[in-house]
Amino acid sequence: MAIFQKKTCYFCEKKIKEIDYLNGPLLHNFMDYFNRIKRREHTGVCLRHQKRLAQAIKRSRHVALCGFVR
């Protein structure tokens, strides 16, 4: 069982309210090598922003800005 260190939310720190699905470089920071969405424990994003981030990544995949798999 891994114990992760508590991190502060990136979006709360920067006061970002809307996560744009067209912002590819920002979304790629929260995806791993195989283009899977990283878990909250790894990124430190709060629950509200994690849900919005996942939705933005999924929208970005359907518009073909991010890949489904590598």
C-alpha atoms as a PDB file:
ATOM      1  CA  MET A   1       0.000   0.000   0.000  1.00  0.00           C
ATOM      2  CA  ALA A   2       1.550   3.250  -1.143  1.00  0.00           C
ATOM      3  CA  ILE A   3       1.296   6.398   0.904  1.00  0.00           C
ATOM      4  CA  PHE A   4       1.149   9.557  -1.170  1.00  0.00           C
ATOM      5  CA  GLN A   5       2.073  12.994   0.038  1.00  0.00           C
ATOM      6  CA  LYS A   6      -0.754  15.532   0.096  1.00  0.00           C
ATOM      7  CA  LYS A   7      -0.281  18.142  -2.618  1.00  0.00           C
ATOM      8  CA  THR A   8      -2.121  21.357  -3.283  1.00  0.00           C
ATOM      9  CA  CYS A   9      -4.448  21.607  -6.248  1.00  0.00           C
ATOM     10  CA  TYR A  10      -2.837  23.178  -9.316  1.00  0.00           C
ATOM     11  CA  PHE A  11      -6.089  24.777 -10.477  1.00  0.00           C
ATOM     12  CA  CYS A  12      -6.934  26.190  -7.037  1.00  0.00           C
ATOM     13  CA  GLU A  13      -3.469  27.749  -6.728  1.00  0.00           C
ATOM     14  CA  LYS A  14      -3.642  29.403 -10.163  1.00  0.00           C
ATOM     15  CA  LYS A  15      -7.329  30.318  -9.638  1.00  0.00           C
ATOM     16  CA  ILE A  16      -8.334  28.632 -12.905  1.00  0.00           C
ATOM     17  CA  LYS A  17     -12.110  28.261 -13.027  1.00  0.00           C
ATOM     18  CA  GLU A  18     -12.611  26.783 -16.497  1.00  0.00           C
ATOM     19  CA  ILE A  19     -10.491  23.917 -17.817  1.00  0.00           C
ATOM     20  CA  ASP A  20     -10.409  24.319 -21.585  1.00  0.00           C
ATOM     21  CA  TYR A  21     -10.336  21.118 -23.606  1.00  0.00           C
ATOM     22  CA  LEU A  22      -8.479  22.936 -26.403  1.00  0.00           C
ATOM     23  CA  ASN A  23      -5.462  23.566 -24.158  1.00  0.00           C
ATOM     24  CA  GLY A  24      -3.483  20.449 -25.093  1.00  0.00           C
ATOM     25  CA  PRO A  25      -0.180  21.169 -23.287  1.00  0.00           C
ATOM     26  CA  LEU A  26      -1.990  21.681 -19.981  1.00  0.00           C
ATOM     27  CA  LEU A  27      -3.987  18.473 -20.376  1.00  0.00           C
ATOM     28  CA  HIS A  28      -0.893  16.438 -21.267  1.00  0.00           C
ATOM     29  CA  ASN A  29       0.592  17.293 -17.863  1.00  0.00           C
ATOM     30  CA  PHE A  30      -2.178  15.253 -16.254  1.00  0.00           C
ATOM     31  CA  MET A  31      -1.825  12.227 -18.537  1.00  0.00           C
ATOM     32  CA  ASP A  32       0.745   9.453 -18.304  1.00  0.00           C
ATOM     33  CA  TYR A  33       2.907   7.925 -21.044  1.00  0.00           C
ATOM     34  CA  PHE A  34       0.053   5.773 -22.325  1.00  0.00           C
ATOM     35  CA  ASN A  35      -2.351   8.776 -22.425  1.00  0.00           C
ATOM     36  CA  ARG A  36      -4.333   7.607 -19.435  1.00  0.00           C
ATOM     37  CA  ILE A  37      -5.635  10.139 -16.931  1.00  0.00           C
ATOM     38  CA  LYS A  38      -3.426  10.274 -13.837  1.00  0.00           C
ATOM     39  CA  ARG A  39      -4.988   9.663 -10.456  1.00  0.00           C
ATOM     40  CA  ARG A  40      -5.625  12.416  -7.935  1.00  0.00           C
ATOM     41  CA  GLU A  41      -2.987  11.012  -5.609  1.00  0.00           C
ATOM     42  CA  HIS A  42      -0.309  11.527  -8.267  1.00  0.00           C
ATOM     43  CA  THR A  43      -1.318  14.999  -9.433  1.00  0.00           C
ATOM     44  CA  GLY A  44      -2.681  16.516  -6.224  1.00  0.00           C
ATOM     45  CA  VAL A  45      -5.776  17.905  -7.916  1.00  0.00           C
ATOM     46  CA  CYS A  46      -8.906  18.314  -5.774  1.00  0.00           C
ATOM     47  CA  LEU A  47     -12.042  16.287  -6.500  1.00  0.00           C
ATOM     48  CA  ARG A  48     -13.957  19.099  -8.202  1.00  0.00           C
ATOM     49  CA  HIS A  49     -11.126  19.888 -10.597  1.00  0.00           C
ATOM     50  CA  GLN A  50     -10.322  16.208 -11.178  1.00  0.00           C
ATOM     51  CA  LYS A  51     -13.851  15.634 -12.490  1.00  0.00           C
ATOM     52  CA  ARG A  52     -13.651  18.697 -14.726  1.00  0.00           C
ATOM     53  CA  LEU A  53     -10.169  17.703 -15.880  1.00  0.00           C
ATOM     54  CA  ALA A  54     -11.335  14.202 -16.810  1.00  0.00           C
ATOM     55  CA  GLN A  55     -14.248  15.642 -18.765  1.00  0.00           C
ATOM     56  CA  ALA A  56     -11.936  18.068 -20.605  1.00  0.00           C
ATOM     57  CA  ILE A  57      -9.517  15.255 -21.495  1.00  0.00           C
ATOM     58  CA  LYS A  58     -12.356  13.091 -22.791  1.00  0.00           C
ATOM     59  CA  ARG A  59     -13.675  15.959 -24.921  1.00  0.00           C
ATOM     60  CA  SER A  60     -10.165  16.626 -26.202  1.00  0.00           C
ATOM     61  CA  ARG A  61      -9.836  12.973 -27.219  1.00  0.00           C
ATOM     62  CA  HIS A  62     -13.044  13.083 -29.258  1.00  0.00           C
ATOM     63  CA  VAL A  63     -11.899  16.208 -31.088  1.00  0.00           C
ATOM     64  CA  ALA A  64      -8.597  14.375 -31.785  1.00  0.00           C
ATOM     65  CA  LEU A  65      -6.365  16.805 -29.873  1.00  0.00           C
ATOM     66  CA  CYS A  66      -5.223  14.078 -27.487  1.00  0.00           C
ATOM     67  CA  GLY A  67      -4.849  10.423 -28.261  1.00  0.00           C
ATOM     68  CA  PHE A  68      -6.775   7.593 -26.654  1.00  0.00           C
ATOM     69  CA  VAL A  69      -3.681   5.365 -26.477  1.00  0.00           C
ATOM     70  CA  ARG A  70      -0.048   5.715 -27.430  1.00  0.00           C
END
